[in-house]
PDB file of N, CA and C in Angstrom:
ATOM      1  N   MET A   1     173.593  66.346  62.003  1.00  0.00           N
ATOM      2  CA  MET A   1     174.154  67.107  63.119  1.00  0.00           C
ATOM      3  C   MET A   1     173.018  67.796  63.867  1.00  0.00           C
ATOM      4  N   ASP A   2     173.183  67.922  65.172  1.00  0.00           N
ATOM      5  CA  ASP A   2     172.216  68.602  66.003  1.00  0.00           C
ATOM      6  C   ASP A   2     172.596  70.074  66.085  1.00  0.00           C
ATOM      7  N   LEU A   3     171.595  70.885  66.401  1.00  0.00           N
ATOM      8  CA  LEU A   3     171.847  72.308  66.559  1.00  0.00           C
ATOM      9  C   LEU A   3     171.774  72.663  68.026  1.00  0.00           C
ATOM     10  N   SER A   4     172.688  73.507  68.472  1.00  0.00           N
ATOM     11  CA  SER A   4     172.653  73.954  69.856  1.00  0.00           C
ATOM     12  C   SER A   4     171.651  75.092  69.970  1.00  0.00           C
ATOM     13  N   LEU A   5     171.519  75.652  71.173  1.00  0.00           N
ATOM     14  CA  LEU A   5     170.550  76.723  71.392  1.00  0.00           C
ATOM     15  C   LEU A   5     170.877  77.970  70.584  1.00  0.00           C
ATOM     16  N   ASP A   6     172.151  78.222  70.335  1.00  0.00           N
ATOM     17  CA  ASP A   6     172.516  79.416  69.586  1.00  0.00           C
ATOM     18  C   ASP A   6     172.593  79.160  68.078  1.00  0.00           C
ATOM     19  N   GLY A   7     172.156  77.992  67.628  1.00  0.00           N
ATOM     20  CA  GLY A   7     172.081  77.710  66.201  1.00  0.00           C
ATOM     21  C   GLY A   7     173.324  77.096  65.597  1.00  0.00           C
ATOM     22  N   GLN A   8     174.374  76.920  66.383  1.00  0.00           N
ATOM     23  CA  GLN A   8     175.597  76.333  65.857  1.00  0.00           C
ATOM     24  C   GLN A   8     175.467  74.813  65.835  1.00  0.00           C
ATOM     25  N   ALA A   9     176.157  74.215  64.900  1.00  0.00           N
ATOM     26  CA  ALA A   9     176.093  72.766  64.758  1.00  0.00           C
ATOM     27  C   ALA A   9     176.941  72.089  65.823  1.00  0.00           C
ATOM     28  N   LEU A  10     176.363  71.054  66.434  1.00  0.00           N
ATOM     29  CA  LEU A  10     177.094  70.254  67.413  1.00  0.00           C
ATOM     30  C   LEU A  10     177.596  68.993  66.723  1.00  0.00           C
ATOM     31  N   PRO A  11     178.800  68.558  67.027  1.00  0.00           N
ATOM     32  CA  PRO A  11     179.285  67.316  66.407  1.00  0.00           C
ATOM     33  C   PRO A  11     178.484  66.137  66.950  1.00  0.00           C
ATOM     34  N   SER A  12     178.053  65.262  66.048  1.00  0.00           N
ATOM     35  CA  SER A  12     177.290  64.103  66.489  1.00  0.00           C
ATOM     36  C   SER A  12     178.252  62.998  66.900  1.00  0.00           C
ATOM     37  N   VAL A  13     177.972  62.384  68.027  1.00  0.00           N
ATOM     38  CA  VAL A  13     178.812  61.323  68.553  1.00  0.00           C
ATOM     39  C   VAL A  13     178.096  60.003  68.288  1.00  0.00           C
ATOM     40  N   PRO A  14     178.731  59.101  67.528  1.00  0.00           N
ATOM     41  CA  PRO A  14     178.061  57.827  67.253  1.00  0.00           C
ATOM     42  C   PRO A  14     177.948  57.001  68.529  1.00  0.00           C
ATOM     43  N   PRO A  15     176.834  56.292  68.700  1.00  0.00           N
ATOM     44  CA  PRO A  15     176.695  55.473  69.913  1.00  0.00           C
ATOM     45  C   PRO A  15     177.680  54.314  69.897  1.00  0.00           C
ATOM     46  N   GLN A  16     178.109  53.903  71.082  1.00  0.00           N
ATOM     47  CA  GLN A  16     179.058  52.804  71.172  1.00  0.00           C
ATOM     48  C   GLN A  16     178.369  51.503  70.784  1.00  0.00           C
ATOM     49  N   LYS A  17     179.104  50.651  70.070  1.00  0.00           N
ATOM     50  CA  LYS A  17     178.565  49.348  69.716  1.00  0.00           C
ATOM     51  C   LYS A  17     178.611  48.450  70.936  1.00  0.00           C
ATOM     52  N   ARG A  18     177.544  47.699  71.128  1.00  0.00           N
ATOM     53  CA  ARG A  18     177.523  46.744  72.222  1.00  0.00           C
ATOM     54  C   ARG A  18     178.315  45.520  71.812  1.00  0.00           C
ATOM     55  N   SER A  19     179.129  45.027  72.710  1.00  0.00           N
ATOM     56  CA  SER A  19     179.880  43.818  72.390  1.00  0.00           C
ATOM     57  C   SER A  19     178.945  42.626  72.565  1.00  0.00           C
ATOM     58  N   ARG A  20     178.880  41.785  71.556  1.00  0.00           N
ATOM     59  CA  ARG A  20     177.995  40.636  71.586  1.00  0.00           C
ATOM     60  C   ARG A  20     178.681  39.463  72.263  1.00  0.00           C
ATOM     61  N   VAL A  21     177.899  38.723  73.012  1.00  0.00           N
ATOM     62  CA  VAL A  21     178.419  37.527  73.660  1.00  0.00           C
ATOM     63  C   VAL A  21     178.439  36.414  72.620  1.00  0.00           C
ATOM     64  N   LEU A  22     179.601  35.804  72.435  1.00  0.00           N
ATOM     65  CA  LEU A  22     179.734  34.729  71.461  1.00  0.00           C
ATOM     66  C   LEU A  22     179.304  33.419  72.110  1.00  0.00           C
ATOM     67  N   LEU A  23     178.187  32.857  71.655  1.00  0.00           N
ATOM     68  CA  LEU A  23     177.653  31.654  72.274  1.00  0.00           C
ATOM     69  C   LEU A  23     178.041  30.382  71.541  1.00  0.00           C
ATOM     70  N   SER A  24     178.218  30.451  70.239  1.00  0.00           N
ATOM     71  CA  SER A  24     178.537  29.239  69.482  1.00  0.00           C
ATOM     72  C   SER A  24     180.053  29.028  69.433  1.00  0.00           C
ATOM     73  N   CYS A  25     180.441  27.779  69.141  1.00  0.00           N
ATOM     74  CA  CYS A  25     181.869  27.461  69.082  1.00  0.00           C
ATOM     75  C   CYS A  25     182.484  28.079  67.824  1.00  0.00           C
ATOM     76  N   ALA A  26     183.804  28.117  67.784  1.00  0.00           N
ATOM     77  CA  ALA A  26     184.515  28.776  66.682  1.00  0.00           C
ATOM     78  C   ALA A  26     184.209  28.148  65.323  1.00  0.00           C
ATOM     79  N   PRO A  27     184.236  26.800  65.152  1.00  0.00           N
ATOM     80  CA  PRO A  27     183.929  26.247  63.826  1.00  0.00           C
ATOM     81  C   PRO A  27     182.502  26.537  63.369  1.00  0.00           C
ATOM     82  N   CYS A  28     181.545  26.471  64.259  1.00  0.00           N
ATOM     83  CA  CYS A  28     180.155  26.775  63.878  1.00  0.00           C
ATOM     84  C   CYS A  28     180.008  28.252  63.515  1.00  0.00           C
ATOM     85  N   ARG A  29     180.692  29.105  64.253  1.00  0.00           N
ATOM     86  CA  ARG A  29     180.614  30.542  63.971  1.00  0.00           C
ATOM     87  C   ARG A  29     181.249  30.844  62.620  1.00  0.00           C
ATOM     88  N   ASN A  30     182.388  30.228  62.328  1.00  0.00           N
ATOM     89  CA  ASN A  30     183.068  30.464  61.046  1.00  0.00           C
ATOM     90  C   ASN A  30     182.281  29.889  59.874  1.00  0.00           C
ATOM     91  N   SER A  31     181.633  28.739  60.092  1.00  0.00           N
ATOM     92  CA  SER A  31     180.865  28.101  59.017  1.00  0.00           C
ATOM     93  C   SER A  31     179.421  28.566  58.978  1.00  0.00           C
ATOM     94  N   LYS A  32     179.027  29.405  59.947  1.00  0.00           N
ATOM     95  CA  LYS A  32     177.654  29.909  60.064  1.00  0.00           C
ATOM     96  C   LYS A  32     176.661  28.756  60.189  1.00  0.00           C
ATOM     97  N   LEU A  33     176.990  27.832  61.084  1.00  0.00           N
ATOM     98  CA  LEU A  33     176.127  26.684  61.356  1.00  0.00           C
ATOM     99  C   LEU A  33     175.493  26.850  62.727  1.00  0.00           C
ATOM    100  N   LYS A  34     174.372  26.161  62.932  1.00  0.00           N
ATOM    101  CA  LYS A  34     173.710  26.217  64.224  1.00  0.00           C
ATOM    102  C   LYS A  34     174.470  25.354  65.219  1.00  0.00           C
ATOM    103  N   CYS A  35     174.828  25.923  66.333  1.00  0.00           N
ATOM    104  CA  CYS A  35     175.595  25.235  67.364  1.00  0.00           C
ATOM    105  C   CYS A  35     174.657  24.917  68.528  1.00  0.00           C
ATOM    106  N   ASP A  36     174.715  23.680  69.029  1.00  0.00           N
ATOM    107  CA  ASP A  36     173.851  23.321  70.153  1.00  0.00           C
ATOM    108  C   ASP A  36     174.527  23.554  71.507  1.00  0.00           C
ATOM    109  N   ARG A  37     175.706  24.112  71.510  1.00  0.00           N
ATOM    110  CA  ARG A  37     176.452  24.553  72.698  1.00  0.00           C
ATOM    111  C   ARG A  37     176.843  23.414  73.628  1.00  0.00           C
ATOM    112  N   ASN A  38     176.903  22.214  73.147  1.00  0.00           N
ATOM    113  CA  ASN A  38     177.421  21.098  73.951  1.00  0.00           C
ATOM    114  C   ASN A  38     178.928  21.041  73.789  1.00  0.00           C
ATOM    115  N   GLN A  39     179.565  20.170  74.539  1.00  0.00           N
ATOM    116  CA  GLN A  39     181.012  20.035  74.425  1.00  0.00           C
ATOM    117  C   GLN A  39     181.363  18.586  74.111  1.00  0.00           C
ATOM    118  N   PRO A  40     181.722  18.208  72.919  1.00  0.00           N
ATOM    119  CA  PRO A  40     181.703  18.977  71.672  1.00  0.00           C
ATOM    120  C   PRO A  40     180.280  19.084  71.139  1.00  0.00           C
ATOM    121  N   CYS A  41     180.026  20.084  70.330  1.00  0.00           N
ATOM    122  CA  CYS A  41     178.688  20.260  69.779  1.00  0.00           C
ATOM    123  C   CYS A  41     178.415  19.205  68.711  1.00  0.00           C
ATOM    124  N   SER A  42     177.161  19.071  68.338  1.00  0.00           N
ATOM    125  CA  SER A  42     176.785  18.011  67.383  1.00  0.00           C
ATOM    126  C   SER A  42     177.403  18.245  66.007  1.00  0.00           C
ATOM    127  N   GLN A  43     177.580  19.504  65.603  1.00  0.00           N
ATOM    128  CA  GLN A  43     178.185  19.801  64.299  1.00  0.00           C
ATOM    129  C   GLN A  43     179.654  19.356  64.273  1.00  0.00           C
ATOM    130  N   CYS A  44     180.386  19.648  65.336  1.00  0.00           N
ATOM    131  CA  CYS A  44     181.798  19.243  65.395  1.00  0.00           C
ATOM    132  C   CYS A  44     181.923  17.727  65.527  1.00  0.00           C
ATOM    133  N   ALA A  45     181.021  17.105  66.271  1.00  0.00           N
ATOM    134  CA  ALA A  45     181.050  15.653  66.405  1.00  0.00           C
ATOM    135  C   ALA A  45     180.726  14.984  65.071  1.00  0.00           C
ATOM    136  N   LYS A  46     179.775  15.555  64.337  1.00  0.00           N
ATOM    137  CA  LYS A  46     179.391  14.990  63.035  1.00  0.00           C
ATOM    138  C   LYS A  46     180.541  15.087  62.040  1.00  0.00           C
ATOM    139  N   LYS A  47     181.307  16.176  62.107  1.00  0.00           N
ATOM    140  CA  LYS A  47     182.428  16.365  61.175  1.00  0.00           C
ATOM    141  C   LYS A  47     183.721  15.770  61.721  1.00  0.00           C
ATOM    142  N   ASP A  48     183.619  15.036  62.837  1.00  0.00           N
ATOM    143  CA  ASP A  48     184.732  14.311  63.443  1.00  0.00           C
ATOM    144  C   ASP A  48     185.913  15.231  63.776  1.00  0.00           C
ATOM    145  N   ARG A  49     185.592  16.377  64.432  1.00  0.00           N
ATOM    146  CA  ARG A  49     186.635  17.302  64.892  1.00  0.00           C
ATOM    147  C   ARG A  49     186.279  17.864  66.276  1.00  0.00           C
ATOM    148  N   PRO A  50     186.142  16.968  67.270  1.00  0.00           N
ATOM    149  CA  PRO A  50     185.761  17.444  68.604  1.00  0.00           C
ATOM    150  C   PRO A  50     186.829  18.327  69.256  1.00  0.00           C
ATOM    151  N   GLU A  51     188.082  18.168  68.869  1.00  0.00           N
ATOM    152  CA  GLU A  51     189.146  18.986  69.464  1.00  0.00           C
ATOM    153  C   GLU A  51     189.068  20.439  69.011  1.00  0.00           C
ATOM    154  N   ALA A  52     188.424  20.678  67.873  1.00  0.00           N
ATOM    155  CA  ALA A  52     188.305  22.045  67.356  1.00  0.00           C
ATOM    156  C   ALA A  52     187.134  22.795  67.982  1.00  0.00           C
ATOM    157  N   CYS A  53     186.284  22.085  68.704  1.00  0.00           N
ATOM    158  CA  CYS A  53     185.091  22.703  69.302  1.00  0.00           C
ATOM    159  C   CYS A  53     185.502  23.500  70.540  1.00  0.00           C
ATOM    160  N   VAL A  54     185.820  24.759  70.313  1.00  0.00           N
ATOM    161  CA  VAL A  54     186.308  25.641  71.382  1.00  0.00           C
ATOM    162  C   VAL A  54     185.388  26.854  71.453  1.00  0.00           C
ATOM    163  N   TYR A  55     184.986  27.188  72.663  1.00  0.00           N
ATOM    164  CA  TYR A  55     184.111  28.333  72.892  1.00  0.00           C
ATOM    165  C   TYR A  55     184.920  29.525  73.384  1.00  0.00           C
ATOM    166  N   ALA A  56     184.469  30.717  73.027  1.00  0.00           N
ATOM    167  CA  ALA A  56     185.137  31.942  73.468  1.00  0.00           C
ATOM    168  C   ALA A  56     184.860  32.150  74.957  1.00  0.00           C
ATOM    169  N   PRO A  57     185.818  32.701  75.703  1.00  0.00           N
ATOM    170  CA  PRO A  57     185.564  32.963  77.131  1.00  0.00           C
ATOM    171  C   PRO A  57     184.510  34.049  77.280  1.00  0.00           C
ATOM    172  N   LYS A  58     183.781  33.971  78.372  1.00  0.00           N
ATOM    173  CA  LYS A  58     182.750  34.982  78.626  1.00  0.00           C
ATOM    174  C   LYS A  58     183.428  36.324  78.882  1.00  0.00           C
ATOM    175  N   PRO A  59     182.882  37.394  78.311  1.00  0.00           N
ATOM    176  CA  PRO A  59     183.511  38.707  78.515  1.00  0.00           C
ATOM    177  C   PRO A  59     183.332  39.177  79.953  1.00  0.00           C
ATOM    178  N   VAL A  60     184.321  39.898  80.424  1.00  0.00           N
ATOM    179  CA  VAL A  60     184.266  40.459  81.765  1.00  0.00           C
ATOM    180  C   VAL A  60     183.518  41.780  81.675  1.00  0.00           C
ATOM    181  N   LYS A  61     182.468  41.908  82.473  1.00  0.00           N
ATOM    182  CA  LYS A  61     181.688  43.142  82.457  1.00  0.00           C
ATOM    183  C   LYS A  61     182.433  44.212  83.240  1.00  0.00           C
ATOM    184  N   LYS A  62     182.508  45.383  82.643  1.00  0.00           N
ATOM    185  CA  LYS A  62     183.151  46.500  83.326  1.00  0.00           C
ATOM    186  C   LYS A  62     182.094  47.209  84.158  1.00  0.00           C
ATOM    187  N   LYS A  63     182.337  47.265  85.448  1.00  0.00           N
ATOM    188  CA  LYS A  63     181.407  47.947  86.338  1.00  0.00           C
ATOM    189  C   LYS A  63     181.824  49.408  86.440  1.00  0.00           C
ATOM    190  N   PRO A  64     180.853  50.319  86.487  1.00  0.00           N
ATOM    191  CA  PRO A  64     181.225  51.721  86.667  1.00  0.00           C
ATOM    192  C   PRO A  64     181.856  51.903  88.049  1.00  0.00           C
ATOM    193  N   PRO A  65     182.764  52.842  88.170  1.00  0.00           N
ATOM    194  CA  PRO A  65     183.411  53.028  89.471  1.00  0.00           C
ATOM    195  C   PRO A  65     182.362  53.402  90.522  1.00  0.00           C
ATOM    196  N   PRO A  66     182.464  52.829  91.709  1.00  0.00           N
ATOM    197  CA  PRO A  66     181.458  53.125  92.735  1.00  0.00           C
ATOM    198  C   PRO A  66     181.558  54.579  93.179  1.00  0.00           C
ATOM    199  N   LYS A  67     180.394  55.155  93.424  1.00  0.00           N
ATOM    200  CA  LYS A  67     180.375  56.535  93.910  1.00  0.00           C
ATOM    201  C   LYS A  67     180.847  56.544  95.348  1.00  0.00           C
ATOM    202  N   GLY A  68     181.437  57.634  95.730  1.00  0.00           N
ATOM    203  CA  GLY A  68     181.956  57.749  97.081  1.00  0.00           C
ATOM    204  C   GLY A  68     180.842  57.727  98.107  1.00  0.00           C
ATOM    205  N   MET A  69     181.180  57.234  99.273  1.00  0.00           N
ATOM    206  CA  MET A  69     180.195  57.169 100.351  1.00  0.00           C
ATOM    207  C   MET A  69     179.736  58.564 100.762  1.00  0.00           C
ATOM    208  N   SER A  70     180.624  59.541 100.663  1.00  0.00           N
ATOM    209  CA  SER A  70     180.230  60.892 101.082  1.00  0.00           C
ATOM    210  C   SER A  70     179.159  61.447 100.148  1.00  0.00           C
ATOM    211  N   ALA A  71     179.263  61.167  98.853  1.00  0.00           N
ATOM    212  CA  ALA A  71     178.240  61.647  97.922  1.00  0.00           C
ATOM    213  C   ALA A  71     176.904  60.974  98.203  1.00  0.00           C
ATOM    214  N   ARG A  72     176.950  59.682  98.496  1.00  0.00           N
ATOM    215  CA  ARG A  72     175.717  58.961  98.817  1.00  0.00           C
ATOM    216  C   ARG A  72     175.118  59.485 100.115  1.00  0.00           C
ATOM    217  N   LEU A  73     175.971  59.729 101.107  1.00  0.00           N
ATOM    218  CA  LEU A  73     175.496  60.245 102.385  1.00  0.00           C
ATOM    219  C   LEU A  73     174.845  61.616 102.220  1.00  0.00           C
ATOM    220  N   LYS A  74     175.450  62.494 101.427  1.00  0.00           N
ATOM    221  CA  LYS A  74     174.875  63.817 101.188  1.00  0.00           C
ATOM    222  C   LYS A  74     173.517  63.711 100.508  1.00  0.00           C
ATOM    223  N   ARG A  75     173.401  62.788  99.529  1.00  0.00           N
ATOM    224  CA  ARG A  75     172.131  62.611  98.828  1.00  0.00           C
ATOM    225  C   ARG A  75     171.052  62.122  99.796  1.00  0.00           C
ATOM    226  N   LEU A  76     171.399  61.147 100.636  1.00  0.00           N
ATOM    227  CA  LEU A  76     170.431  60.615 101.591  1.00  0.00           C
ATOM    228  C   LEU A  76     170.053  61.649 102.648  1.00  0.00           C
ATOM    229  N   GLU A  77     171.033  62.443 103.106  1.00  0.00           N
ATOM    230  CA  GLU A  77     170.733  63.499 104.077  1.00  0.00           C
ATOM    231  C   GLU A  77     169.780  64.528 103.468  1.00  0.00           C
ATOM    232  N   GLY A  78     169.989  64.847 102.203  1.00  0.00           N
ATOM    233  CA  GLY A  78     169.080  65.780 101.530  1.00  0.00           C
ATOM    234  C   GLY A  78     167.675  65.225 101.430  1.00  0.00           C
ATOM    235  N   MET A  79     167.564  63.930 101.162  1.00  0.00           N
ATOM    236  CA  MET A  79     166.233  63.315 101.088  1.00  0.00           C
ATOM    237  C   MET A  79     165.539  63.366 102.448  1.00  0.00           C
ATOM    238  N   VAL A  80     166.281  63.079 103.524  1.00  0.00           N
ATOM    239  CA  VAL A  80     165.706  63.127 104.869  1.00  0.00           C
ATOM    240  C   VAL A  80     165.287  64.548 105.204  1.00  0.00           C
ATOM    241  N   ARG A  81     166.132  65.514 104.872  1.00  0.00           N
ATOM    242  CA  ARG A  81     165.812  66.917 105.148  1.00  0.00           C
ATOM    243  C   ARG A  81     164.531  67.328 104.420  1.00  0.00           C
ATOM    244  N   ASN A  82     164.388  66.930 103.148  1.00  0.00           N
ATOM    245  CA  ASN A  82     163.176  67.261 102.393  1.00  0.00           C
ATOM    246  C   ASN A  82     161.947  66.618 103.015  1.00  0.00           C
ATOM    247  N   MET A  83     162.080  65.381 103.471  1.00  0.00           N
ATOM    248  CA  MET A  83     160.948  64.705 104.098  1.00  0.00           C
ATOM    249  C   MET A  83     160.556  65.394 105.402  1.00  0.00           C
ATOM    250  N   MET A  84     161.561  65.829 106.173  1.00  0.00           N
ATOM    251  CA  MET A  84     161.271  66.511 107.437  1.00  0.00           C
ATOM    252  C   MET A  84     160.600  67.855 107.181  1.00  0.00           C
ATOM    253  N   GLU A  85     161.053  68.585 106.165  1.00  0.00           N
ATOM    254  CA  GLU A  85     160.442  69.869 105.830  1.00  0.00           C
ATOM    255  C   GLU A  85     159.005  69.683 105.375  1.00  0.00           C
ATOM    256  N   ALA A  86     158.741  68.644 104.596  1.00  0.00           N
ATOM    257  CA  ALA A  86     157.380  68.391 104.131  1.00  0.00           C
ATOM    258  C   ALA A  86     156.476  68.036 105.306  1.00  0.00           C
ATOM    259  N   GLU A  87     157.013  67.296 106.279  1.00  0.00           N
ATOM    260  CA  GLU A  87     156.219  66.910 107.451  1.00  0.00           C
ATOM    261  C   GLU A  87     155.889  68.134 108.299  1.00  0.00           C
ATOM    262  N   VAL A  88     156.847  69.055 108.461  1.00  0.00           N
ATOM    263  CA  VAL A  88     156.614  70.269 109.239  1.00  0.00           C
ATOM    264  C   VAL A  88     155.567  71.127 108.551  1.00  0.00           C
ATOM    265  N   GLU A  89     155.630  71.222 107.236  1.00  0.00           N
ATOM    266  CA  GLU A  89     154.664  72.034 106.496  1.00  0.00           C
ATOM    267  C   GLU A  89     153.258  71.452 106.603  1.00  0.00           C
ATOM    268  N   GLU A  90     153.149  70.127 106.679  1.00  0.00           N
ATOM    269  CA  GLU A  90     151.837  69.501 106.850  1.00  0.00           C
ATOM    270  C   GLU A  90     151.263  69.840 108.213  1.00  0.00           C
ATOM    271  N   GLN A  91     152.103  69.835 109.262  1.00  0.00           N
ATOM    272  CA  GLN A  91     151.627  70.088 110.618  1.00  0.00           C
ATOM    273  C   GLN A  91     151.306  71.560 110.833  1.00  0.00           C
ATOM    274  N   ASP A  92     152.161  72.454 110.398  1.00  0.00           N
ATOM    275  CA  ASP A  92     151.959  73.891 110.607  1.00  0.00           C
ATOM    276  C   ASP A  92     152.457  74.648 109.382  1.00  0.00           C
ATOM    277  N   PRO A  93     151.570  74.941 108.419  1.00  0.00           N
ATOM    278  CA  PRO A  93     151.996  75.624 107.191  1.00  0.00           C
ATOM    279  C   PRO A  93     152.620  76.989 107.452  1.00  0.00           C
ATOM    280  N   ALA A  94     152.323  77.630 108.579  1.00  0.00           N
ATOM    281  CA  ALA A  94     152.871  78.956 108.863  1.00  0.00           C
ATOM    282  C   ALA A  94     154.378  78.867 109.114  1.00  0.00           C
ATOM    283  N   LEU A  95     154.843  77.768 109.728  1.00  0.00           N
ATOM    284  CA  LEU A  95     156.281  77.607 109.980  1.00  0.00           C
ATOM    285  C   LEU A  95     157.044  77.363 108.689  1.00  0.00           C
ATOM    286  N   GLY A  96     156.539  76.449 107.878  1.00  0.00           N
ATOM    287  CA  GLY A  96     157.193  76.129 106.609  1.00  0.00           C
ATOM    288  C   GLY A  96     158.615  75.659 106.816  1.00  0.00           C
ATOM    289  N   ALA A  97     159.481  76.003 105.913  1.00  0.00           N
ATOM    290  CA  ALA A  97     160.881  75.592 105.989  1.00  0.00           C
ATOM    291  C   ALA A  97     161.640  76.399 107.029  1.00  0.00           C
ATOM    292  N   ALA A  98     161.091  77.515 107.479  1.00  0.00           N
ATOM    293  CA  ALA A  98     161.781  78.351 108.456  1.00  0.00           C
ATOM    294  C   ALA A  98     161.898  77.648 109.803  1.00  0.00           C
ATOM    295  N   GLY A  99     161.031  76.705 110.080  1.00  0.00           N
ATOM    296  CA  GLY A  99     161.074  75.982 111.335  1.00  0.00           C
ATOM    297  C   GLY A  99     162.306  75.107 111.471  1.00  0.00           C
ATOM    298  N   LEU A 100     162.863  74.659 110.349  1.00  0.00           N
ATOM    299  CA  LEU A 100     164.044  73.794 110.385  1.00  0.00           C
ATOM    300  C   LEU A 100     165.340  74.541 110.090  1.00  0.00           C
ATOM    301  N   ALA A 101     165.231  75.810 109.723  1.00  0.00           N
ATOM    302  CA  ALA A 101     166.441  76.561 109.350  1.00  0.00           C
ATOM    303  C   ALA A 101     167.330  76.723 110.574  1.00  0.00           C
ATOM    304  N   ARG A 102     168.627  76.605 110.351  1.00  0.00           N
ATOM    305  CA  ARG A 102     169.584  76.718 111.462  1.00  0.00           C
ATOM    306  C   ARG A 102     170.203  78.073 111.476  1.00  0.00           C
TER     307      ARG A 102
END
């Protein structure tokens, strides 16, 4: 357990397990055999069971929800404002940020 600033114990949160992409077919995965990922794979063809050579569907990646345009616009406006203030300070240090204040 981790300790907070006041010395109290914080509950530890286990990290999420990453979901693994299943690349080999079901019979090779169950038998722990090397799969060459063909359709049917060489292991299934050798054991005369090409119909059993089935691959798992690719997992759908969950995208984080997009941030709102207003939040992005505010961040970009702040960056422009900082750049303008830095440029004014380079030209006339006496003005500083007061030159852009509204």
